[in-house]
N, C-alpha and C. Protein backbone atom coordinates (compact mmCIF):
# COMPACT_ATOMS: atom_id res chain seq x y z
N UNK A 1 -6.05 26.44 44.65
CA UNK A 1 -5.39 25.47 43.77
C UNK A 1 -4.00 25.98 43.41
N UNK A 2 -3.01 25.07 43.49
CA UNK A 2 -1.64 25.47 43.19
C UNK A 2 -1.49 25.70 41.69
N UNK A 3 -0.77 26.70 41.35
CA UNK A 3 -0.52 27.01 39.94
C UNK A 3 0.69 26.23 39.46
N UNK A 4 0.56 25.56 38.36
CA UNK A 4 1.65 24.75 37.81
C UNK A 4 2.75 25.64 37.29
N UNK A 5 3.97 25.49 37.83
CA UNK A 5 5.07 26.33 37.36
C UNK A 5 5.63 25.84 36.04
N UNK A 6 6.36 26.68 35.40
CA UNK A 6 7.06 26.28 34.18
C UNK A 6 8.37 25.65 34.59
N UNK A 7 8.59 24.35 34.27
CA UNK A 7 9.82 23.68 34.71
C UNK A 7 11.05 24.35 34.14
N UNK A 8 12.09 24.33 34.91
CA UNK A 8 13.38 24.82 34.44
C UNK A 8 14.37 23.70 34.55
N UNK A 9 15.41 23.77 33.75
CA UNK A 9 16.44 22.73 33.78
C UNK A 9 17.41 23.02 34.91
N UNK A 10 17.48 22.10 35.86
CA UNK A 10 18.36 22.28 37.02
C UNK A 10 19.78 21.92 36.65
N UNK A 11 20.71 22.67 37.21
CA UNK A 11 22.13 22.37 37.03
C UNK A 11 22.50 21.28 38.01
N UNK A 12 22.83 20.10 37.49
CA UNK A 12 23.14 18.97 38.34
C UNK A 12 24.53 19.11 38.94
N UNK A 13 24.64 18.77 40.18
CA UNK A 13 25.96 18.75 40.82
C UNK A 13 26.49 17.35 40.89
N UNK A 14 27.79 17.23 40.78
CA UNK A 14 28.39 15.90 40.85
C UNK A 14 28.35 15.33 42.25
N UNK A 15 28.18 16.23 43.22
CA UNK A 15 28.17 15.77 44.61
C UNK A 15 26.77 15.36 45.00
N UNK A 16 26.32 14.21 44.53
CA UNK A 16 24.96 13.73 44.81
C UNK A 16 24.95 12.91 46.06
N UNK A 17 23.73 12.76 46.62
CA UNK A 17 23.60 12.04 47.89
C UNK A 17 23.46 10.56 47.64
N UNK A 18 24.56 9.85 47.47
CA UNK A 18 24.53 8.41 47.25
C UNK A 18 24.50 7.65 48.56
N UNK A 19 24.80 8.31 49.65
CA UNK A 19 24.65 7.72 50.97
C UNK A 19 25.47 6.46 51.15
N UNK A 20 26.76 6.50 50.81
CA UNK A 20 27.60 5.34 51.03
C UNK A 20 28.87 5.81 51.71
N UNK A 21 29.47 4.90 52.44
CA UNK A 21 30.72 5.21 53.10
C UNK A 21 31.90 4.97 52.18
N UNK A 22 31.74 4.04 51.20
CA UNK A 22 32.81 3.70 50.28
C UNK A 22 32.27 3.82 48.87
N UNK A 23 32.98 4.44 47.91
CA UNK A 23 32.47 4.55 46.56
C UNK A 23 32.25 3.19 45.94
N UNK A 24 31.23 3.06 45.09
CA UNK A 24 30.92 1.81 44.42
C UNK A 24 31.42 1.88 43.00
N UNK A 25 32.19 0.89 42.57
CA UNK A 25 32.67 0.80 41.21
C UNK A 25 31.91 -0.33 40.55
N UNK A 26 31.24 -0.06 39.45
CA UNK A 26 30.47 -1.08 38.77
C UNK A 26 30.90 -1.18 37.32
N UNK A 27 30.70 -2.35 36.77
CA UNK A 27 31.04 -2.58 35.38
C UNK A 27 29.99 -1.97 34.49
N UNK A 28 30.39 -1.60 33.28
CA UNK A 28 29.47 -0.97 32.36
C UNK A 28 28.28 -1.85 32.03
N UNK A 29 28.46 -3.19 32.05
CA UNK A 29 27.37 -4.07 31.70
C UNK A 29 26.26 -4.05 32.72
N UNK A 30 26.51 -3.48 33.88
CA UNK A 30 25.49 -3.42 34.91
C UNK A 30 24.68 -2.13 34.84
N UNK A 31 24.95 -1.30 33.87
CA UNK A 31 24.39 0.04 33.84
C UNK A 31 22.87 0.11 33.79
N UNK A 32 22.21 -0.92 33.22
CA UNK A 32 20.76 -0.86 33.11
C UNK A 32 20.05 -1.53 34.26
N UNK A 33 20.78 -2.10 35.17
CA UNK A 33 20.17 -2.82 36.28
C UNK A 33 19.40 -1.87 37.17
N UNK A 34 18.35 -2.40 37.79
CA UNK A 34 17.59 -1.61 38.74
C UNK A 34 16.46 -0.81 38.12
N UNK A 35 16.33 -0.80 36.80
CA UNK A 35 15.28 -0.04 36.15
C UNK A 35 14.24 -0.96 35.52
N UNK A 36 14.23 -2.22 35.93
CA UNK A 36 13.34 -3.20 35.34
C UNK A 36 11.88 -2.84 35.55
N UNK A 37 11.09 -3.01 34.51
CA UNK A 37 9.65 -2.80 34.61
C UNK A 37 8.95 -4.08 35.07
N UNK A 38 9.67 -5.19 35.07
CA UNK A 38 9.02 -6.47 35.35
C UNK A 38 9.60 -7.16 36.57
N UNK A 39 10.49 -6.53 37.29
CA UNK A 39 11.10 -7.16 38.46
C UNK A 39 10.04 -7.59 39.46
N UNK A 40 10.29 -8.71 40.13
CA UNK A 40 9.31 -9.22 41.09
C UNK A 40 9.28 -8.32 42.31
N UNK A 41 8.11 -8.17 42.94
CA UNK A 41 8.01 -7.33 44.13
C UNK A 41 8.92 -7.84 45.23
N UNK A 42 9.59 -6.94 45.90
CA UNK A 42 10.46 -7.33 47.00
C UNK A 42 9.64 -7.46 48.27
N UNK A 43 10.26 -8.05 49.28
CA UNK A 43 9.57 -8.19 50.55
C UNK A 43 9.26 -6.80 51.11
N UNK A 44 8.13 -6.66 51.76
CA UNK A 44 7.75 -5.38 52.33
C UNK A 44 7.20 -4.41 51.31
N UNK A 45 6.87 -4.89 50.08
CA UNK A 45 6.39 -4.00 49.03
C UNK A 45 4.90 -3.71 49.13
N UNK A 46 4.20 -4.32 50.08
CA UNK A 46 2.78 -4.04 50.25
C UNK A 46 2.60 -2.91 51.24
N UNK A 47 1.79 -1.91 50.89
CA UNK A 47 1.59 -0.78 51.80
C UNK A 47 0.78 -1.17 53.02
N UNK A 48 0.97 -0.44 54.10
CA UNK A 48 0.18 -0.64 55.30
C UNK A 48 -1.26 -0.22 55.03
N UNK A 49 -2.21 -0.80 55.75
CA UNK A 49 -3.61 -0.42 55.55
C UNK A 49 -3.81 1.09 55.72
N UNK A 50 -4.48 1.69 54.78
CA UNK A 50 -4.75 3.11 54.83
C UNK A 50 -3.65 4.00 54.31
N UNK A 51 -2.47 3.42 54.03
CA UNK A 51 -1.32 4.23 53.61
C UNK A 51 -1.55 4.87 52.24
N UNK A 52 -2.18 4.13 51.32
CA UNK A 52 -2.41 4.68 49.98
C UNK A 52 -3.35 5.88 50.05
N UNK A 53 -4.43 5.76 50.81
CA UNK A 53 -5.38 6.86 50.91
C UNK A 53 -4.74 8.09 51.53
N UNK A 54 -3.91 7.86 52.56
CA UNK A 54 -3.21 8.98 53.20
C UNK A 54 -2.26 9.64 52.22
N UNK A 55 -1.56 8.82 51.43
CA UNK A 55 -0.60 9.36 50.46
C UNK A 55 -1.31 10.19 49.39
N UNK A 56 -2.46 9.71 48.93
CA UNK A 56 -3.20 10.47 47.92
C UNK A 56 -3.64 11.82 48.47
N UNK A 57 -4.09 11.82 49.71
CA UNK A 57 -4.52 13.07 50.34
C UNK A 57 -3.33 14.02 50.51
N UNK A 58 -2.20 13.48 50.99
CA UNK A 58 -1.03 14.32 51.18
C UNK A 58 -0.47 14.84 49.86
N UNK A 59 -0.51 14.00 48.83
CA UNK A 59 0.00 14.42 47.52
C UNK A 59 -0.81 15.60 46.99
N UNK A 60 -2.10 15.56 47.19
CA UNK A 60 -2.95 16.65 46.70
C UNK A 60 -2.66 17.97 47.40
N UNK A 61 -2.05 17.88 48.60
CA UNK A 61 -1.75 19.09 49.35
C UNK A 61 -0.33 19.60 49.18
N UNK A 62 0.52 18.84 48.49
CA UNK A 62 1.90 19.28 48.29
C UNK A 62 1.96 20.45 47.30
N UNK A 63 2.78 21.40 47.62
CA UNK A 63 2.95 22.57 46.75
C UNK A 63 3.76 22.18 45.52
N UNK A 64 3.39 22.70 44.38
CA UNK A 64 4.14 22.50 43.14
C UNK A 64 5.14 23.63 42.97
N UNK A 65 6.35 23.28 42.57
CA UNK A 65 7.39 24.30 42.39
C UNK A 65 8.41 23.80 41.38
N UNK A 66 9.12 24.72 40.79
CA UNK A 66 10.25 24.38 39.92
C UNK A 66 11.50 24.19 40.76
N UNK A 67 12.43 23.42 40.23
CA UNK A 67 13.70 23.22 40.93
C UNK A 67 14.55 24.49 40.88
N UNK A 68 15.26 24.74 41.98
CA UNK A 68 16.27 25.79 41.97
C UNK A 68 17.50 25.31 41.24
N UNK A 69 18.52 26.15 41.19
CA UNK A 69 19.71 25.80 40.41
C UNK A 69 20.73 24.99 41.19
N UNK A 70 20.55 24.79 42.47
CA UNK A 70 21.45 23.94 43.24
C UNK A 70 22.74 24.61 43.67
N UNK A 71 22.89 25.90 43.45
CA UNK A 71 24.11 26.58 43.85
C UNK A 71 24.37 26.41 45.34
N UNK A 72 25.60 26.09 45.68
CA UNK A 72 26.01 25.99 47.07
C UNK A 72 25.81 24.63 47.71
N UNK A 73 25.25 23.66 46.95
CA UNK A 73 25.02 22.35 47.56
C UNK A 73 26.32 21.61 47.83
N UNK A 74 26.45 21.09 49.04
CA UNK A 74 27.50 20.17 49.42
C UNK A 74 26.90 19.19 50.41
N UNK A 75 27.37 17.97 50.39
CA UNK A 75 26.82 16.96 51.30
C UNK A 75 26.95 17.40 52.76
N UNK A 76 28.05 18.07 53.09
CA UNK A 76 28.24 18.45 54.50
C UNK A 76 27.28 19.56 54.95
N UNK A 77 26.53 20.13 54.01
CA UNK A 77 25.50 21.09 54.40
C UNK A 77 24.37 20.40 55.17
N UNK A 78 24.32 19.06 55.08
CA UNK A 78 23.29 18.29 55.77
C UNK A 78 23.83 17.61 57.03
N UNK A 79 24.89 18.16 57.57
CA UNK A 79 25.36 17.75 58.88
C UNK A 79 26.11 16.44 58.92
N UNK A 80 26.21 15.90 60.13
CA UNK A 80 26.95 14.67 60.38
C UNK A 80 26.30 13.49 59.68
N UNK A 81 27.11 12.74 58.95
CA UNK A 81 26.61 11.58 58.22
C UNK A 81 26.30 10.44 59.17
N UNK A 82 25.08 9.91 59.09
CA UNK A 82 24.63 8.76 59.89
C UNK A 82 24.67 9.05 61.39
N UNK A 83 24.31 10.25 61.76
CA UNK A 83 24.26 10.62 63.16
C UNK A 83 23.19 9.81 63.90
N UNK A 84 23.49 9.45 65.13
CA UNK A 84 22.56 8.69 65.96
C UNK A 84 21.49 9.62 66.51
N UNK A 85 20.56 10.01 65.64
CA UNK A 85 19.56 11.00 66.04
C UNK A 85 18.49 10.42 66.96
N UNK A 86 18.32 9.09 66.96
CA UNK A 86 17.32 8.51 67.86
C UNK A 86 17.94 8.08 69.20
N UNK A 87 19.25 8.32 69.35
CA UNK A 87 19.96 8.12 70.62
C UNK A 87 19.81 6.70 71.17
N UNK A 88 19.88 5.72 70.25
CA UNK A 88 19.85 4.32 70.70
C UNK A 88 21.23 3.71 70.79
N UNK A 89 22.26 4.52 70.54
CA UNK A 89 23.63 4.05 70.64
C UNK A 89 24.21 3.50 69.35
N UNK A 90 23.39 3.39 68.31
CA UNK A 90 23.84 2.87 67.01
C UNK A 90 23.68 3.95 65.95
N UNK A 91 24.62 4.03 65.01
CA UNK A 91 24.48 5.04 63.96
C UNK A 91 23.36 4.66 63.00
N UNK A 92 22.90 5.64 62.24
CA UNK A 92 21.72 5.43 61.40
C UNK A 92 21.97 4.41 60.29
N UNK A 93 23.19 4.34 59.77
CA UNK A 93 23.45 3.35 58.71
C UNK A 93 23.23 1.94 59.24
N UNK A 94 23.80 1.62 60.39
CA UNK A 94 23.63 0.29 60.94
C UNK A 94 22.18 0.04 61.37
N UNK A 95 21.52 1.06 61.85
CA UNK A 95 20.10 0.92 62.20
C UNK A 95 19.27 0.53 60.98
N UNK A 96 19.52 1.18 59.84
CA UNK A 96 18.74 0.91 58.64
C UNK A 96 19.10 -0.46 58.07
N UNK A 97 20.37 -0.82 58.09
CA UNK A 97 20.76 -2.16 57.64
C UNK A 97 20.06 -3.22 58.48
N UNK A 98 20.06 -3.04 59.79
CA UNK A 98 19.41 -4.01 60.67
C UNK A 98 17.91 -4.09 60.42
N UNK A 99 17.30 -2.96 60.07
CA UNK A 99 15.87 -2.91 59.80
C UNK A 99 15.51 -3.56 58.47
N UNK A 100 16.30 -3.29 57.42
CA UNK A 100 15.91 -3.67 56.07
C UNK A 100 16.47 -5.00 55.59
N UNK A 101 17.52 -5.50 56.23
CA UNK A 101 18.10 -6.78 55.84
C UNK A 101 17.46 -7.91 56.64
N UNK A 102 17.56 -9.12 56.10
CA UNK A 102 17.19 -10.32 56.84
C UNK A 102 18.45 -11.14 57.09
N UNK A 103 18.33 -12.16 57.92
CA UNK A 103 19.47 -13.03 58.26
C UNK A 103 20.66 -12.18 58.71
N UNK A 104 20.38 -11.21 59.55
CA UNK A 104 21.40 -10.24 59.96
C UNK A 104 22.37 -10.86 60.97
N UNK A 105 23.66 -10.62 60.73
CA UNK A 105 24.71 -10.99 61.67
C UNK A 105 25.37 -9.71 62.16
N UNK A 106 25.56 -9.61 63.48
CA UNK A 106 26.10 -8.39 64.05
C UNK A 106 27.38 -8.65 64.85
N UNK A 107 28.18 -7.60 64.95
CA UNK A 107 29.27 -7.56 65.90
C UNK A 107 28.82 -6.65 67.03
N UNK A 108 28.63 -7.22 68.20
CA UNK A 108 28.11 -6.44 69.30
C UNK A 108 26.64 -6.11 69.06
N UNK A 109 26.19 -5.00 69.61
CA UNK A 109 24.78 -4.64 69.53
C UNK A 109 24.42 -3.90 68.25
N UNK A 110 25.41 -3.25 67.61
CA UNK A 110 25.08 -2.33 66.52
C UNK A 110 25.61 -2.72 65.15
N UNK A 111 26.84 -3.13 65.04
CA UNK A 111 27.52 -3.22 63.74
C UNK A 111 27.03 -4.43 62.95
N UNK A 112 26.42 -4.16 61.80
CA UNK A 112 25.92 -5.22 60.93
C UNK A 112 27.07 -5.74 60.07
N UNK A 113 27.37 -7.02 60.23
CA UNK A 113 28.48 -7.64 59.50
C UNK A 113 28.02 -8.32 58.22
N UNK A 114 26.80 -8.86 58.22
CA UNK A 114 26.31 -9.62 57.07
C UNK A 114 24.79 -9.66 57.11
N UNK A 115 24.22 -9.99 55.96
CA UNK A 115 22.78 -10.11 55.87
C UNK A 115 22.33 -10.31 54.44
N UNK A 116 21.03 -10.37 54.26
CA UNK A 116 20.45 -10.59 52.94
C UNK A 116 19.48 -9.44 52.63
N UNK A 117 19.56 -8.92 51.41
CA UNK A 117 18.69 -7.83 50.98
C UNK A 117 17.87 -8.24 49.77
N UNK A 118 16.55 -8.14 49.87
CA UNK A 118 15.68 -8.20 48.69
C UNK A 118 15.58 -6.76 48.21
N UNK A 119 16.40 -6.41 47.23
CA UNK A 119 16.50 -5.01 46.83
C UNK A 119 15.16 -4.48 46.33
N UNK A 120 14.61 -3.47 47.00
CA UNK A 120 13.31 -2.95 46.59
C UNK A 120 13.33 -2.25 45.24
N UNK A 121 14.47 -1.68 44.86
CA UNK A 121 14.53 -0.91 43.62
C UNK A 121 14.58 -1.79 42.37
N UNK A 122 15.24 -2.95 42.46
CA UNK A 122 15.41 -3.81 41.28
C UNK A 122 14.75 -5.17 41.41
N UNK A 123 14.44 -5.62 42.63
CA UNK A 123 13.94 -6.96 42.84
C UNK A 123 15.04 -8.00 42.94
N UNK A 124 16.29 -7.57 42.86
CA UNK A 124 17.43 -8.48 42.90
C UNK A 124 17.75 -8.87 44.34
N UNK A 125 18.16 -10.12 44.53
CA UNK A 125 18.58 -10.58 45.84
C UNK A 125 20.08 -10.33 46.01
N UNK A 126 20.43 -9.67 47.11
CA UNK A 126 21.80 -9.24 47.35
C UNK A 126 22.29 -9.83 48.67
N UNK A 127 23.49 -10.36 48.63
CA UNK A 127 24.14 -10.80 49.87
C UNK A 127 25.06 -9.69 50.35
N UNK A 128 24.83 -9.22 51.56
CA UNK A 128 25.63 -8.14 52.12
C UNK A 128 26.71 -8.69 53.04
N UNK A 129 27.92 -8.17 52.88
CA UNK A 129 29.02 -8.45 53.80
C UNK A 129 29.76 -7.15 54.04
N UNK A 130 30.13 -6.89 55.26
CA UNK A 130 30.76 -5.62 55.61
C UNK A 130 32.04 -5.37 54.82
N UNK A 131 32.76 -6.44 54.46
CA UNK A 131 34.00 -6.27 53.70
C UNK A 131 33.74 -5.71 52.30
N UNK A 132 32.49 -5.84 51.81
CA UNK A 132 32.09 -5.26 50.53
C UNK A 132 30.88 -4.38 50.79
N UNK A 133 31.06 -3.44 51.73
CA UNK A 133 29.94 -2.68 52.27
C UNK A 133 29.20 -1.86 51.22
N UNK A 134 29.90 -1.38 50.20
CA UNK A 134 29.27 -0.50 49.22
C UNK A 134 28.29 -1.21 48.31
N UNK A 135 28.25 -2.53 48.37
CA UNK A 135 27.28 -3.27 47.55
C UNK A 135 25.86 -2.93 47.98
N UNK A 136 25.68 -2.71 49.27
CA UNK A 136 24.38 -2.26 49.78
C UNK A 136 24.57 -0.85 50.33
N UNK A 137 23.81 0.09 49.79
CA UNK A 137 23.93 1.49 50.16
C UNK A 137 22.65 1.95 50.85
N UNK A 138 22.75 3.05 51.55
CA UNK A 138 21.59 3.63 52.21
C UNK A 138 21.16 4.85 51.39
N UNK A 139 20.00 4.72 50.77
CA UNK A 139 19.51 5.78 49.89
C UNK A 139 18.61 6.74 50.64
N UNK A 140 18.68 8.00 50.24
CA UNK A 140 17.69 8.98 50.67
C UNK A 140 16.56 8.96 49.65
N UNK A 141 15.39 8.52 50.05
CA UNK A 141 14.26 8.39 49.13
C UNK A 141 13.99 9.73 48.45
N UNK A 142 13.88 10.78 49.24
CA UNK A 142 13.85 12.15 48.71
C UNK A 142 15.30 12.64 48.78
N UNK A 143 16.00 12.69 47.65
CA UNK A 143 17.44 12.95 47.65
C UNK A 143 17.83 14.28 48.28
N UNK A 144 18.99 14.30 48.89
CA UNK A 144 19.47 15.50 49.57
C UNK A 144 19.66 16.66 48.59
N UNK A 145 20.34 16.39 47.48
CA UNK A 145 20.60 17.47 46.51
C UNK A 145 19.31 18.00 45.91
N UNK A 146 18.33 17.12 45.70
CA UNK A 146 17.04 17.58 45.19
C UNK A 146 16.32 18.40 46.25
N UNK A 147 16.38 17.94 47.50
CA UNK A 147 15.76 18.71 48.59
C UNK A 147 16.38 20.11 48.67
N UNK A 148 17.69 20.18 48.49
CA UNK A 148 18.38 21.48 48.50
C UNK A 148 17.81 22.40 47.42
N UNK A 149 17.62 21.84 46.22
CA UNK A 149 17.10 22.64 45.11
C UNK A 149 15.63 23.01 45.31
N UNK A 150 14.93 22.22 46.13
CA UNK A 150 13.50 22.46 46.34
C UNK A 150 13.21 23.26 47.60
N UNK A 151 14.27 23.77 48.25
CA UNK A 151 14.04 24.67 49.38
C UNK A 151 14.83 24.41 50.63
N UNK A 152 15.48 23.23 50.74
CA UNK A 152 16.25 22.92 51.94
C UNK A 152 17.46 23.83 52.10
N UNK A 153 17.85 24.51 51.04
CA UNK A 153 18.96 25.46 51.13
C UNK A 153 18.64 26.59 52.10
N UNK A 154 17.36 26.80 52.36
CA UNK A 154 16.94 27.87 53.27
C UNK A 154 16.66 27.37 54.69
N UNK A 155 16.81 26.08 54.91
CA UNK A 155 16.58 25.52 56.23
C UNK A 155 17.74 25.82 57.17
N UNK A 156 17.50 25.61 58.46
CA UNK A 156 18.58 25.68 59.43
C UNK A 156 19.46 24.43 59.29
N UNK A 157 20.68 24.51 59.78
CA UNK A 157 21.59 23.36 59.72
C UNK A 157 21.01 22.17 60.49
N UNK A 158 20.38 22.44 61.62
CA UNK A 158 19.81 21.36 62.42
C UNK A 158 18.71 20.63 61.66
N UNK A 159 17.88 21.38 60.97
CA UNK A 159 16.79 20.75 60.23
C UNK A 159 17.32 19.92 59.07
N UNK A 160 18.35 20.40 58.40
CA UNK A 160 18.93 19.61 57.31
C UNK A 160 19.56 18.33 57.85
N UNK A 161 20.21 18.42 58.99
CA UNK A 161 20.81 17.22 59.59
C UNK A 161 19.73 16.21 59.98
N UNK A 162 18.64 16.72 60.54
CA UNK A 162 17.53 15.84 60.90
C UNK A 162 16.98 15.15 59.65
N UNK A 163 16.82 15.89 58.58
CA UNK A 163 16.29 15.34 57.33
C UNK A 163 17.21 14.25 56.78
N UNK A 164 18.51 14.51 56.79
CA UNK A 164 19.48 13.57 56.22
C UNK A 164 19.57 12.27 57.01
N UNK A 165 19.21 12.31 58.29
CA UNK A 165 19.33 11.13 59.14
C UNK A 165 17.97 10.56 59.57
N UNK A 166 16.91 11.04 58.96
CA UNK A 166 15.57 10.58 59.29
C UNK A 166 15.34 9.19 58.70
N UNK A 167 15.09 8.21 59.55
CA UNK A 167 14.94 6.84 59.08
C UNK A 167 13.74 6.69 58.14
N UNK A 168 12.77 7.58 58.22
CA UNK A 168 11.64 7.52 57.30
C UNK A 168 12.08 7.82 55.87
N UNK A 169 13.22 8.49 55.72
CA UNK A 169 13.72 8.85 54.40
C UNK A 169 14.90 7.98 53.97
N UNK A 170 15.21 6.96 54.74
CA UNK A 170 16.37 6.11 54.46
C UNK A 170 15.93 4.70 54.10
N UNK A 171 16.63 4.11 53.13
CA UNK A 171 16.27 2.79 52.64
C UNK A 171 17.53 2.07 52.18
N UNK A 172 17.71 0.82 52.64
CA UNK A 172 18.84 0.01 52.19
C UNK A 172 18.53 -0.53 50.80
N UNK A 173 19.44 -0.29 49.85
CA UNK A 173 19.21 -0.70 48.46
C UNK A 173 20.52 -1.18 47.85
N UNK A 174 20.40 -1.88 46.73
CA UNK A 174 21.57 -2.27 45.95
C UNK A 174 22.23 -1.03 45.38
N UNK A 175 23.55 -1.04 45.35
CA UNK A 175 24.28 0.15 44.93
C UNK A 175 24.08 0.56 43.49
N UNK A 176 23.84 -0.40 42.59
CA UNK A 176 23.74 -0.06 41.16
C UNK A 176 22.54 0.84 40.86
N UNK A 177 21.30 0.44 41.21
CA UNK A 177 20.19 1.36 40.94
C UNK A 177 20.26 2.64 41.78
N UNK A 178 20.91 2.56 42.94
CA UNK A 178 21.06 3.77 43.74
C UNK A 178 21.92 4.80 43.02
N UNK A 179 22.97 4.35 42.37
CA UNK A 179 23.80 5.28 41.61
C UNK A 179 23.05 5.81 40.39
N UNK A 180 22.22 4.97 39.79
CA UNK A 180 21.42 5.44 38.65
C UNK A 180 20.40 6.48 39.09
N UNK A 181 19.81 6.26 40.24
CA UNK A 181 18.83 7.20 40.78
C UNK A 181 19.49 8.54 41.10
N UNK A 182 20.67 8.49 41.71
CA UNK A 182 21.41 9.70 42.02
C UNK A 182 20.51 10.70 42.76
N UNK A 183 20.43 11.93 42.26
CA UNK A 183 19.60 12.94 42.92
C UNK A 183 18.32 13.21 42.14
N UNK A 184 17.86 12.21 41.39
CA UNK A 184 16.66 12.37 40.58
C UNK A 184 15.40 12.17 41.40
N UNK A 185 14.36 12.87 41.01
CA UNK A 185 13.04 12.67 41.58
C UNK A 185 12.29 11.60 40.81
N UNK A 186 11.08 11.25 41.24
CA UNK A 186 10.32 10.19 40.59
C UNK A 186 9.90 10.50 39.16
N UNK A 187 9.95 11.76 38.76
CA UNK A 187 9.64 12.10 37.37
C UNK A 187 10.76 11.73 36.42
N UNK A 188 11.96 11.47 36.96
CA UNK A 188 13.12 11.14 36.13
C UNK A 188 13.62 9.72 36.33
N UNK A 189 13.27 9.11 37.47
CA UNK A 189 13.75 7.76 37.77
C UNK A 189 12.64 7.00 38.50
N UNK A 190 12.55 5.72 38.24
CA UNK A 190 11.54 4.92 38.93
C UNK A 190 12.08 3.53 39.26
N UNK A 191 11.65 2.97 40.39
CA UNK A 191 12.04 1.60 40.73
C UNK A 191 11.20 0.61 39.95
N UNK A 192 11.47 -0.68 40.16
CA UNK A 192 10.66 -1.72 39.54
C UNK A 192 9.18 -1.54 39.89
N UNK A 193 8.32 -2.05 39.03
CA UNK A 193 6.88 -1.88 39.21
C UNK A 193 6.39 -2.34 40.58
N UNK A 194 6.96 -3.47 41.06
CA UNK A 194 6.49 -4.04 42.30
C UNK A 194 6.72 -3.18 43.52
N UNK A 195 7.56 -2.15 43.39
CA UNK A 195 7.86 -1.29 44.54
C UNK A 195 7.37 0.14 44.34
N UNK A 196 6.79 0.44 43.20
CA UNK A 196 6.45 1.83 42.91
C UNK A 196 5.39 2.39 43.86
N UNK A 197 4.45 1.57 44.28
CA UNK A 197 3.42 2.03 45.21
C UNK A 197 4.05 2.46 46.53
N UNK A 198 4.85 1.57 47.13
CA UNK A 198 5.46 1.86 48.43
C UNK A 198 6.47 3.01 48.31
N UNK A 199 7.20 3.04 47.20
CA UNK A 199 8.14 4.14 46.96
C UNK A 199 7.42 5.48 46.96
N UNK A 200 6.28 5.54 46.29
CA UNK A 200 5.50 6.79 46.24
C UNK A 200 5.00 7.16 47.63
N UNK A 201 4.52 6.19 48.38
CA UNK A 201 4.02 6.45 49.73
C UNK A 201 5.14 7.02 50.61
N UNK A 202 6.32 6.43 50.52
CA UNK A 202 7.45 6.91 51.31
C UNK A 202 7.86 8.32 50.88
N UNK A 203 7.96 8.54 49.59
CA UNK A 203 8.40 9.84 49.07
C UNK A 203 7.43 10.94 49.49
N UNK A 204 6.15 10.68 49.33
CA UNK A 204 5.12 11.67 49.67
C UNK A 204 5.14 11.96 51.16
N UNK A 205 5.30 10.91 51.98
CA UNK A 205 5.30 11.10 53.44
C UNK A 205 6.45 12.00 53.88
N UNK A 206 7.62 11.83 53.26
CA UNK A 206 8.77 12.67 53.61
C UNK A 206 8.54 14.10 53.14
N UNK A 207 8.04 14.27 51.92
CA UNK A 207 7.77 15.61 51.40
C UNK A 207 6.77 16.34 52.29
N UNK A 208 5.74 15.63 52.73
CA UNK A 208 4.73 16.25 53.58
C UNK A 208 5.30 16.58 54.96
N UNK A 209 6.10 15.68 55.51
CA UNK A 209 6.68 15.87 56.84
C UNK A 209 7.55 17.11 56.90
N UNK A 210 8.30 17.36 55.83
CA UNK A 210 9.24 18.48 55.82
C UNK A 210 8.75 19.66 54.97
N UNK A 211 7.49 19.62 54.57
CA UNK A 211 6.89 20.70 53.77
C UNK A 211 7.71 21.00 52.52
N UNK A 212 8.21 19.95 51.88
CA UNK A 212 8.96 20.10 50.64
C UNK A 212 8.00 20.06 49.45
N UNK A 213 8.15 20.96 48.51
CA UNK A 213 7.32 20.92 47.32
C UNK A 213 7.80 19.83 46.36
N UNK A 214 7.03 19.60 45.31
CA UNK A 214 7.43 18.68 44.25
C UNK A 214 7.24 19.38 42.91
N UNK A 215 7.99 18.93 41.93
CA UNK A 215 7.79 19.46 40.58
C UNK A 215 6.55 18.82 39.96
N UNK A 216 6.03 19.41 38.91
CA UNK A 216 4.88 18.82 38.22
C UNK A 216 5.21 17.40 37.70
N UNK A 217 6.38 17.17 37.05
CA UNK A 217 6.68 15.79 36.61
C UNK A 217 6.75 14.81 37.78
N UNK A 218 7.31 15.24 38.91
CA UNK A 218 7.39 14.35 40.07
C UNK A 218 5.99 14.06 40.62
N UNK A 219 5.16 15.08 40.68
CA UNK A 219 3.78 14.91 41.15
C UNK A 219 3.04 13.90 40.29
N UNK A 220 3.15 14.05 38.97
CA UNK A 220 2.43 13.16 38.07
C UNK A 220 2.94 11.73 38.17
N UNK A 221 4.27 11.58 38.31
CA UNK A 221 4.84 10.24 38.45
C UNK A 221 4.36 9.58 39.74
N UNK A 222 4.36 10.33 40.82
CA UNK A 222 3.90 9.78 42.10
C UNK A 222 2.44 9.36 42.01
N UNK A 223 1.64 10.14 41.35
CA UNK A 223 0.23 9.81 41.17
C UNK A 223 0.09 8.50 40.39
N UNK A 224 0.91 8.34 39.36
CA UNK A 224 0.89 7.10 38.59
C UNK A 224 1.35 5.92 39.42
N UNK A 225 2.37 6.12 40.23
CA UNK A 225 2.86 5.03 41.09
C UNK A 225 1.80 4.57 42.07
N UNK A 226 1.02 5.50 42.60
CA UNK A 226 -0.04 5.14 43.54
C UNK A 226 -1.11 4.30 42.85
N UNK A 227 -1.20 4.41 41.54
CA UNK A 227 -2.13 3.58 40.78
C UNK A 227 -1.77 2.11 40.79
N UNK A 228 -0.54 1.79 41.23
CA UNK A 228 -0.12 0.40 41.31
C UNK A 228 -0.40 -0.23 42.68
N UNK A 229 -0.95 0.57 43.60
CA UNK A 229 -1.21 0.05 44.95
C UNK A 229 -2.36 -0.97 44.94
């Protein structure tokens, strides 16, 4: 049985993994968006058959650990941004936009010009246009800076690059809740209720895939989220 560590306060870095090509500027009145407890479930919010049971099993096997202090973290420590790691000729950002948006319009085979997003984090419907690309951002479900504090600082450069561009860890979301989430784990930030089950399943799957530990607050939050499945 894993021994529960004593949490420590991590030193947050300003260089968080927001996963956008262009900075997003939002008005102060939008600051609480994306944290709704009552937002309607977005499309794709139902887990695949057997996914909840697998997530519960994997969660029980994740190591518990305290966060490191984050010294030395920089986004470029995780390699090329949106690298075409699956070698399909399209970068990972456009691949994820094409996967997660509906009514997609493209230029050529890869470049997503427009589409519609049912934002999983807030339940808000978003119209995406490339001219306002930062409105829809690509989030790392298990944040890069948090992964660094939880042990990725000791990984090889290739492994960090693979992690940063792994489509299993990438999700198209509205920019406002993505900025609120920043590099927080599920113990500090949560999506709308309708997506918490799938969010937990995705987070746990990535942690298990890369043998990343979780903090006790994150573990408990994930367990609670699975209760919504």
